[in-house]
Amino acid sequence: MDDLWMKEAHCKEIGNHPFFSEPNSKIELLAKATCGECPVKDQCLEWALEFWEQGVWGGTTDKERLKIRRSRGTKSRTTKARNIDTYLRDLPPHGTQARREAHYRSGEKACQVCCTGTYEKSANEYWGRQRGRAV
């Protein structure tokens, strides 16, 4: 599958952050809305399904793509996780050192957001709230 379609994608115009935000956030909804009007949405979705991309791709989240894979009978690429839903839910947010290490542990190249680590502070605040601690 070639990546020439990426040149026409609407997401190029707004940057990566909305597409790798916290699940079910308003920012994620913005990313999905951007995808809704994109002329290459279908190619983007197929790319994400084939290469197991993280974040919003083709107007779908990780969990939504997992359901598509299951309906198509695609096997999970990770044998370490018994329950892929739990595995995806428990991953730290993109842009953190922990998520970057998770990329490498799963045998994939870290995404651009994780390589730059520009969202480390907001991720630390997120996980601090999740654990009931003030950061």
N, C-alpha and C. Protein backbone atom coordinates (compact mmCIF):
# COMPACT_ATOMS: atom_id res chain seq x y z
N MET A 1 0.85 -1.18 0.00
CA MET A 1 0.00 0.00 0.00
C MET A 1 0.90 1.25 0.00
N ASP A 2 0.69 2.13 -0.97
CA ASP A 2 1.52 3.34 -1.02
C ASP A 2 0.91 4.43 -0.15
N ASP A 3 1.72 5.45 0.11
CA ASP A 3 1.28 6.53 1.00
C ASP A 3 1.08 7.86 0.27
N LEU A 4 0.89 7.82 -1.04
CA LEU A 4 0.70 9.05 -1.81
C LEU A 4 -0.57 9.80 -1.39
N TRP A 5 -1.57 9.08 -0.93
CA TRP A 5 -2.82 9.69 -0.49
C TRP A 5 -2.61 10.67 0.65
N MET A 6 -1.54 10.49 1.43
CA MET A 6 -1.29 11.35 2.60
C MET A 6 -1.12 12.82 2.21
N LYS A 7 -0.69 13.07 0.99
CA LYS A 7 -0.50 14.46 0.55
C LYS A 7 -1.82 15.22 0.48
N GLU A 8 -2.94 14.50 0.33
CA GLU A 8 -4.25 15.13 0.22
C GLU A 8 -5.02 15.15 1.54
N ALA A 9 -4.43 14.61 2.58
CA ALA A 9 -5.14 14.49 3.86
C ALA A 9 -5.34 15.85 4.53
N HIS A 10 -6.51 16.07 5.10
CA HIS A 10 -6.82 17.32 5.80
C HIS A 10 -6.03 17.47 7.09
N CYS A 11 -5.60 16.37 7.70
CA CYS A 11 -4.90 16.45 8.98
C CYS A 11 -3.55 17.14 8.87
N LYS A 12 -2.99 17.20 7.67
CA LYS A 12 -1.71 17.88 7.48
C LYS A 12 -1.78 19.34 7.91
N GLU A 13 -2.97 19.92 7.79
CA GLU A 13 -3.13 21.34 8.03
C GLU A 13 -3.24 21.72 9.51
N ILE A 14 -3.56 20.74 10.37
CA ILE A 14 -3.76 21.11 11.78
C ILE A 14 -2.75 20.49 12.73
N GLY A 15 -1.83 19.69 12.25
CA GLY A 15 -0.81 19.11 13.12
C GLY A 15 -1.25 17.80 13.76
N ASN A 16 -0.33 17.17 14.50
CA ASN A 16 -0.56 15.84 15.06
C ASN A 16 -1.31 15.80 16.37
N HIS A 17 -1.19 16.81 17.20
CA HIS A 17 -1.70 16.74 18.56
C HIS A 17 -3.14 16.24 18.69
N PRO A 18 -4.10 16.76 17.94
CA PRO A 18 -5.48 16.28 18.11
C PRO A 18 -5.65 14.79 17.81
N PHE A 19 -4.81 14.25 16.97
CA PHE A 19 -4.95 12.86 16.55
C PHE A 19 -4.31 11.88 17.54
N PHE A 20 -3.61 12.40 18.52
CA PHE A 20 -2.99 11.56 19.54
C PHE A 20 -3.35 12.08 20.93
N SER A 21 -4.58 12.49 21.12
CA SER A 21 -5.02 13.06 22.38
C SER A 21 -5.64 11.97 23.27
N GLU A 22 -6.08 12.38 24.44
CA GLU A 22 -6.71 11.45 25.37
C GLU A 22 -8.00 10.91 24.76
N PRO A 23 -8.28 9.62 24.97
CA PRO A 23 -9.53 9.05 24.43
C PRO A 23 -10.76 9.78 24.96
N ASN A 24 -11.76 9.90 24.11
CA ASN A 24 -13.06 10.50 24.44
C ASN A 24 -12.97 11.98 24.85
N SER A 25 -11.92 12.66 24.47
CA SER A 25 -11.78 14.08 24.81
C SER A 25 -12.38 14.93 23.68
N LYS A 26 -12.57 16.22 23.97
CA LYS A 26 -13.07 17.14 22.95
C LYS A 26 -12.06 17.26 21.81
N ILE A 27 -10.80 17.15 22.14
CA ILE A 27 -9.76 17.25 21.11
C ILE A 27 -9.85 16.05 20.16
N GLU A 28 -10.13 14.88 20.71
CA GLU A 28 -10.30 13.70 19.87
C GLU A 28 -11.50 13.87 18.94
N LEU A 29 -12.56 14.47 19.45
CA LEU A 29 -13.74 14.73 18.61
C LEU A 29 -13.40 15.68 17.46
N LEU A 30 -12.54 16.68 17.72
CA LEU A 30 -12.09 17.57 16.67
C LEU A 30 -11.34 16.79 15.59
N ALA A 31 -10.49 15.88 16.01
CA ALA A 31 -9.74 15.07 15.05
C ALA A 31 -10.70 14.23 14.20
N LYS A 32 -11.68 13.61 14.84
CA LYS A 32 -12.63 12.78 14.10
C LYS A 32 -13.47 13.63 13.14
N ALA A 33 -13.81 14.85 13.55
CA ALA A 33 -14.57 15.74 12.66
C ALA A 33 -13.73 16.13 11.45
N THR A 34 -12.45 16.36 11.65
CA THR A 34 -11.54 16.67 10.55
C THR A 34 -11.52 15.51 9.56
N CYS A 35 -11.48 14.30 10.08
CA CYS A 35 -11.47 13.12 9.21
C CYS A 35 -12.78 12.98 8.44
N GLY A 36 -13.88 13.40 9.05
CA GLY A 36 -15.18 13.23 8.43
C GLY A 36 -15.31 13.92 7.09
N GLU A 37 -14.58 15.00 6.89
CA GLU A 37 -14.65 15.75 5.64
C GLU A 37 -13.46 15.49 4.72
N CYS A 38 -12.59 14.59 5.12
CA CYS A 38 -11.35 14.34 4.38
C CYS A 38 -11.61 13.46 3.15
N PRO A 39 -11.04 13.83 1.99
CA PRO A 39 -11.25 13.05 0.77
C PRO A 39 -10.52 11.70 0.76
N VAL A 40 -9.56 11.51 1.64
CA VAL A 40 -8.79 10.25 1.66
C VAL A 40 -9.05 9.45 2.94
N LYS A 41 -10.21 9.65 3.53
CA LYS A 41 -10.56 8.98 4.78
C LYS A 41 -10.47 7.45 4.67
N ASP A 42 -10.98 6.90 3.58
CA ASP A 42 -10.98 5.44 3.42
C ASP A 42 -9.57 4.87 3.30
N GLN A 43 -8.71 5.55 2.53
CA GLN A 43 -7.32 5.09 2.41
C GLN A 43 -6.60 5.18 3.75
N CYS A 44 -6.89 6.24 4.47
CA CYS A 44 -6.28 6.44 5.78
C CYS A 44 -6.67 5.32 6.74
N LEU A 45 -7.95 4.98 6.74
CA LEU A 45 -8.43 3.90 7.60
C LEU A 45 -7.77 2.58 7.24
N GLU A 46 -7.69 2.28 5.96
CA GLU A 46 -7.06 1.02 5.55
C GLU A 46 -5.58 0.98 5.93
N TRP A 47 -4.91 2.11 5.81
CA TRP A 47 -3.51 2.21 6.22
C TRP A 47 -3.37 1.89 7.71
N ALA A 48 -4.23 2.51 8.52
CA ALA A 48 -4.18 2.31 9.97
C ALA A 48 -4.48 0.86 10.34
N LEU A 49 -5.40 0.25 9.63
CA LEU A 49 -5.72 -1.15 9.90
C LEU A 49 -4.55 -2.06 9.53
N GLU A 50 -3.91 -1.76 8.43
CA GLU A 50 -2.80 -2.60 7.99
C GLU A 50 -1.55 -2.45 8.86
N PHE A 51 -1.25 -1.22 9.28
CA PHE A 51 -0.01 -0.96 10.01
C PHE A 51 -0.21 -0.76 11.51
N TRP A 52 -1.41 -1.02 12.01
CA TRP A 52 -1.70 -0.95 13.44
C TRP A 52 -1.31 0.39 14.04
N GLU A 53 -1.72 1.46 13.37
CA GLU A 53 -1.41 2.81 13.84
C GLU A 53 -2.14 3.11 15.15
N GLN A 54 -1.59 4.03 15.92
CA GLN A 54 -2.21 4.49 17.16
C GLN A 54 -2.84 5.86 16.91
N GLY A 55 -3.86 6.22 17.71
CA GLY A 55 -4.50 7.51 17.58
C GLY A 55 -5.68 7.47 16.62
N VAL A 56 -6.12 8.64 16.17
CA VAL A 56 -7.26 8.75 15.25
C VAL A 56 -6.73 8.69 13.81
N TRP A 57 -7.23 7.72 13.07
CA TRP A 57 -6.89 7.53 11.66
C TRP A 57 -8.17 7.18 10.92
N GLY A 58 -8.43 7.84 9.82
CA GLY A 58 -9.62 7.53 9.03
C GLY A 58 -10.92 7.72 9.81
N GLY A 59 -10.89 8.62 10.78
CA GLY A 59 -12.08 8.90 11.58
C GLY A 59 -12.38 7.87 12.65
N THR A 60 -11.41 6.98 12.93
CA THR A 60 -11.63 5.94 13.93
C THR A 60 -10.54 5.97 15.00
N THR A 61 -10.89 5.48 16.18
CA THR A 61 -9.94 5.37 17.29
C THR A 61 -9.34 3.96 17.29
N ASP A 62 -8.38 3.74 18.18
CA ASP A 62 -7.77 2.42 18.33
C ASP A 62 -8.84 1.35 18.58
N LYS A 63 -9.74 1.64 19.51
CA LYS A 63 -10.77 0.66 19.86
C LYS A 63 -11.73 0.40 18.71
N GLU A 64 -12.08 1.44 17.98
CA GLU A 64 -12.98 1.26 16.84
C GLU A 64 -12.33 0.42 15.76
N ARG A 65 -11.04 0.64 15.53
CA ARG A 65 -10.33 -0.18 14.54
C ARG A 65 -10.19 -1.62 15.01
N LEU A 66 -10.07 -1.82 16.29
CA LEU A 66 -10.00 -3.18 16.83
C LEU A 66 -11.29 -3.93 16.49
N LYS A 67 -12.43 -3.27 16.64
CA LYS A 67 -13.71 -3.89 16.31
C LYS A 67 -13.79 -4.23 14.82
N ILE A 68 -13.26 -3.33 13.98
CA ILE A 68 -13.24 -3.59 12.53
C ILE A 68 -12.38 -4.81 12.24
N ARG A 69 -11.20 -4.87 12.87
CA ARG A 69 -10.31 -6.01 12.65
C ARG A 69 -10.99 -7.31 13.08
N ARG A 70 -11.67 -7.28 14.22
CA ARG A 70 -12.36 -8.48 14.70
C ARG A 70 -13.45 -8.90 13.74
N SER A 71 -14.20 -7.92 13.20
CA SER A 71 -15.27 -8.26 12.26
C SER A 71 -14.72 -8.84 10.96
N ARG A 72 -13.50 -8.48 10.62
CA ARG A 72 -12.84 -9.00 9.42
C ARG A 72 -12.09 -10.30 9.72
N GLY A 73 -12.01 -10.65 10.98
CA GLY A 73 -11.31 -11.88 11.35
C GLY A 73 -9.80 -11.72 11.43
N THR A 74 -9.30 -10.49 11.56
CA THR A 74 -7.87 -10.24 11.66
C THR A 74 -7.38 -10.60 13.05
N LYS A 75 -6.30 -11.33 13.11
CA LYS A 75 -5.71 -11.72 14.39
C LYS A 75 -4.99 -10.54 15.01
N SER A 76 -4.92 -10.54 16.33
CA SER A 76 -4.20 -9.49 17.06
C SER A 76 -2.71 -9.60 16.76
N ARG A 77 -2.05 -8.47 16.60
CA ARG A 77 -0.61 -8.50 16.33
C ARG A 77 0.18 -8.69 17.61
N THR A 78 -0.42 -8.46 18.77
CA THR A 78 0.31 -8.60 20.01
C THR A 78 -0.15 -9.86 20.73
N THR A 79 0.79 -10.74 20.97
CA THR A 79 0.45 -11.97 21.68
C THR A 79 0.64 -11.79 23.17
N LYS A 80 1.28 -10.70 23.58
CA LYS A 80 1.53 -10.46 25.00
C LYS A 80 0.25 -10.10 25.74
N ALA A 81 -0.65 -9.41 25.07
CA ALA A 81 -1.87 -8.93 25.73
C ALA A 81 -2.98 -9.95 25.53
N ARG A 82 -3.49 -10.50 26.60
CA ARG A 82 -4.61 -11.44 26.50
C ARG A 82 -5.88 -10.71 26.10
N ASN A 83 -6.02 -9.52 26.61
CA ASN A 83 -7.22 -8.74 26.31
C ASN A 83 -6.78 -7.42 25.68
N ILE A 84 -6.93 -7.32 24.37
CA ILE A 84 -6.43 -6.16 23.64
C ILE A 84 -7.12 -4.87 24.07
N ASP A 85 -8.39 -4.95 24.47
CA ASP A 85 -9.08 -3.74 24.94
C ASP A 85 -8.39 -3.17 26.18
N THR A 86 -8.06 -4.03 27.11
CA THR A 86 -7.36 -3.60 28.33
C THR A 86 -5.99 -3.07 27.97
N TYR A 87 -5.32 -3.75 27.05
CA TYR A 87 -3.99 -3.34 26.62
C TYR A 87 -4.02 -1.92 26.07
N LEU A 88 -4.98 -1.62 25.18
CA LEU A 88 -5.07 -0.29 24.59
C LEU A 88 -5.47 0.76 25.62
N ARG A 89 -6.40 0.42 26.50
CA ARG A 89 -6.87 1.37 27.50
C ARG A 89 -5.75 1.74 28.49
N ASP A 90 -4.89 0.80 28.82
CA ASP A 90 -3.88 1.02 29.84
C ASP A 90 -2.58 1.62 29.32
N LEU A 91 -2.48 1.84 28.03
CA LEU A 91 -1.27 2.46 27.50
C LEU A 91 -1.22 3.92 27.93
N PRO A 92 -0.04 4.41 28.28
CA PRO A 92 0.09 5.84 28.62
C PRO A 92 -0.14 6.69 27.38
N PRO A 93 -0.45 7.98 27.55
CA PRO A 93 -0.72 8.85 26.41
C PRO A 93 0.52 9.07 25.53
N HIS A 94 0.27 9.33 24.25
CA HIS A 94 1.36 9.66 23.33
C HIS A 94 2.08 10.91 23.82
N GLY A 95 3.36 10.98 23.54
CA GLY A 95 4.17 12.14 23.92
C GLY A 95 4.89 11.94 25.24
N THR A 96 4.71 10.78 25.85
CA THR A 96 5.38 10.50 27.12
C THR A 96 6.50 9.49 26.89
N GLN A 97 7.46 9.49 27.79
CA GLN A 97 8.55 8.52 27.71
C GLN A 97 7.99 7.09 27.84
N ALA A 98 7.00 6.92 28.70
CA ALA A 98 6.42 5.60 28.90
C ALA A 98 5.78 5.07 27.62
N ARG A 99 5.07 5.93 26.88
CA ARG A 99 4.44 5.49 25.63
C ARG A 99 5.50 5.20 24.58
N ARG A 100 6.55 6.01 24.57
CA ARG A 100 7.64 5.77 23.62
C ARG A 100 8.25 4.39 23.86
N GLU A 101 8.46 4.05 25.13
CA GLU A 101 8.99 2.73 25.46
C GLU A 101 8.00 1.63 25.08
N ALA A 102 6.70 1.91 25.23
CA ALA A 102 5.68 0.93 24.84
C ALA A 102 5.73 0.65 23.34
N HIS A 103 5.98 1.70 22.55
CA HIS A 103 6.15 1.50 21.10
C HIS A 103 7.28 0.49 20.86
N TYR A 104 8.42 0.72 21.48
CA TYR A 104 9.58 -0.13 21.25
C TYR A 104 9.36 -1.55 21.76
N ARG A 105 8.69 -1.69 22.91
CA ARG A 105 8.41 -3.03 23.45
C ARG A 105 7.52 -3.83 22.51
N SER A 106 6.62 -3.15 21.82
CA SER A 106 5.72 -3.86 20.90
C SER A 106 6.35 -4.08 19.53
N GLY A 107 7.59 -3.63 19.37
CA GLY A 107 8.31 -3.86 18.13
C GLY A 107 8.03 -2.85 17.04
N GLU A 108 7.44 -1.72 17.38
CA GLU A 108 7.14 -0.71 16.37
C GLU A 108 8.00 0.54 16.59
N LYS A 109 8.11 1.31 15.54
CA LYS A 109 8.83 2.57 15.62
C LYS A 109 7.96 3.59 16.36
N ALA A 110 8.56 4.37 17.25
CA ALA A 110 7.80 5.38 18.01
C ALA A 110 7.27 6.45 17.06
N CYS A 111 6.05 6.91 17.33
CA CYS A 111 5.44 7.95 16.49
C CYS A 111 6.15 9.29 16.72
N GLN A 112 5.85 10.25 15.87
CA GLN A 112 6.51 11.55 15.94
C GLN A 112 6.23 12.25 17.27
N VAL A 113 5.00 12.14 17.77
CA VAL A 113 4.64 12.79 19.03
C VAL A 113 5.46 12.20 20.17
N CYS A 114 5.62 10.89 20.19
CA CYS A 114 6.39 10.25 21.26
C CYS A 114 7.88 10.55 21.13
N CYS A 115 8.36 10.69 19.92
CA CYS A 115 9.79 11.00 19.73
C CYS A 115 10.14 12.40 20.23
N THR A 116 9.23 13.35 20.03
CA THR A 116 9.51 14.71 20.47
C THR A 116 9.20 14.91 21.94
N GLY A 117 8.26 14.14 22.48
CA GLY A 117 7.92 14.22 23.90
C GLY A 117 7.36 15.56 24.31
N THR A 118 6.68 16.24 23.39
CA THR A 118 6.20 17.59 23.68
C THR A 118 5.02 17.63 24.63
N TYR A 119 4.40 16.51 24.90
CA TYR A 119 3.21 16.51 25.74
C TYR A 119 3.47 15.83 27.08
N GLU A 120 4.73 15.71 27.48
CA GLU A 120 5.11 15.03 28.72
C GLU A 120 4.40 15.61 29.93
N LYS A 121 4.34 16.93 30.05
CA LYS A 121 3.74 17.55 31.23
C LYS A 121 2.24 17.25 31.31
N SER A 122 1.53 17.43 30.20
CA SER A 122 0.09 17.18 30.25
C SER A 122 -0.20 15.71 30.51
N ALA A 123 0.64 14.82 30.00
CA ALA A 123 0.44 13.40 30.26
C ALA A 123 0.67 13.08 31.73
N ASN A 124 1.70 13.69 32.33
CA ASN A 124 1.94 13.48 33.76
C ASN A 124 0.76 13.96 34.57
N GLU A 125 0.18 15.08 34.19
CA GLU A 125 -1.00 15.58 34.88
C GLU A 125 -2.17 14.61 34.72
N TYR A 126 -2.32 14.07 33.50
CA TYR A 126 -3.40 13.12 33.24
C TYR A 126 -3.27 11.89 34.12
N TRP A 127 -2.09 11.29 34.14
CA TRP A 127 -1.91 10.07 34.92
C TRP A 127 -1.97 10.35 36.42
N GLY A 128 -1.56 11.53 36.84
CA GLY A 128 -1.69 11.90 38.25
C GLY A 128 -3.15 11.95 38.68
N ARG A 129 -4.00 12.50 37.80
CA ARG A 129 -5.44 12.55 38.08
C ARG A 129 -6.03 11.15 38.08
N GLN A 130 -5.56 10.31 37.15
CA GLN A 130 -6.08 8.95 37.06
C GLN A 130 -5.79 8.17 38.36
N ARG A 131 -4.67 8.45 38.96
CA ARG A 131 -4.27 7.73 40.18
C ARG A 131 -4.75 8.43 41.44
N GLY A 132 -5.48 9.54 41.27
CA GLY A 132 -6.04 10.24 42.41
C GLY A 132 -5.05 11.13 43.15
N ARG A 133 -3.97 11.49 42.47
CA ARG A 133 -2.97 12.35 43.10
C ARG A 133 -2.95 13.70 42.40
N ALA A 134 -2.66 14.71 43.15
CA ALA A 134 -2.46 16.04 42.56
C ALA A 134 -1.03 16.11 42.06
N VAL A 135 -0.84 16.71 40.90
CA VAL A 135 0.50 16.83 40.33
C VAL A 135 0.98 18.24 40.48
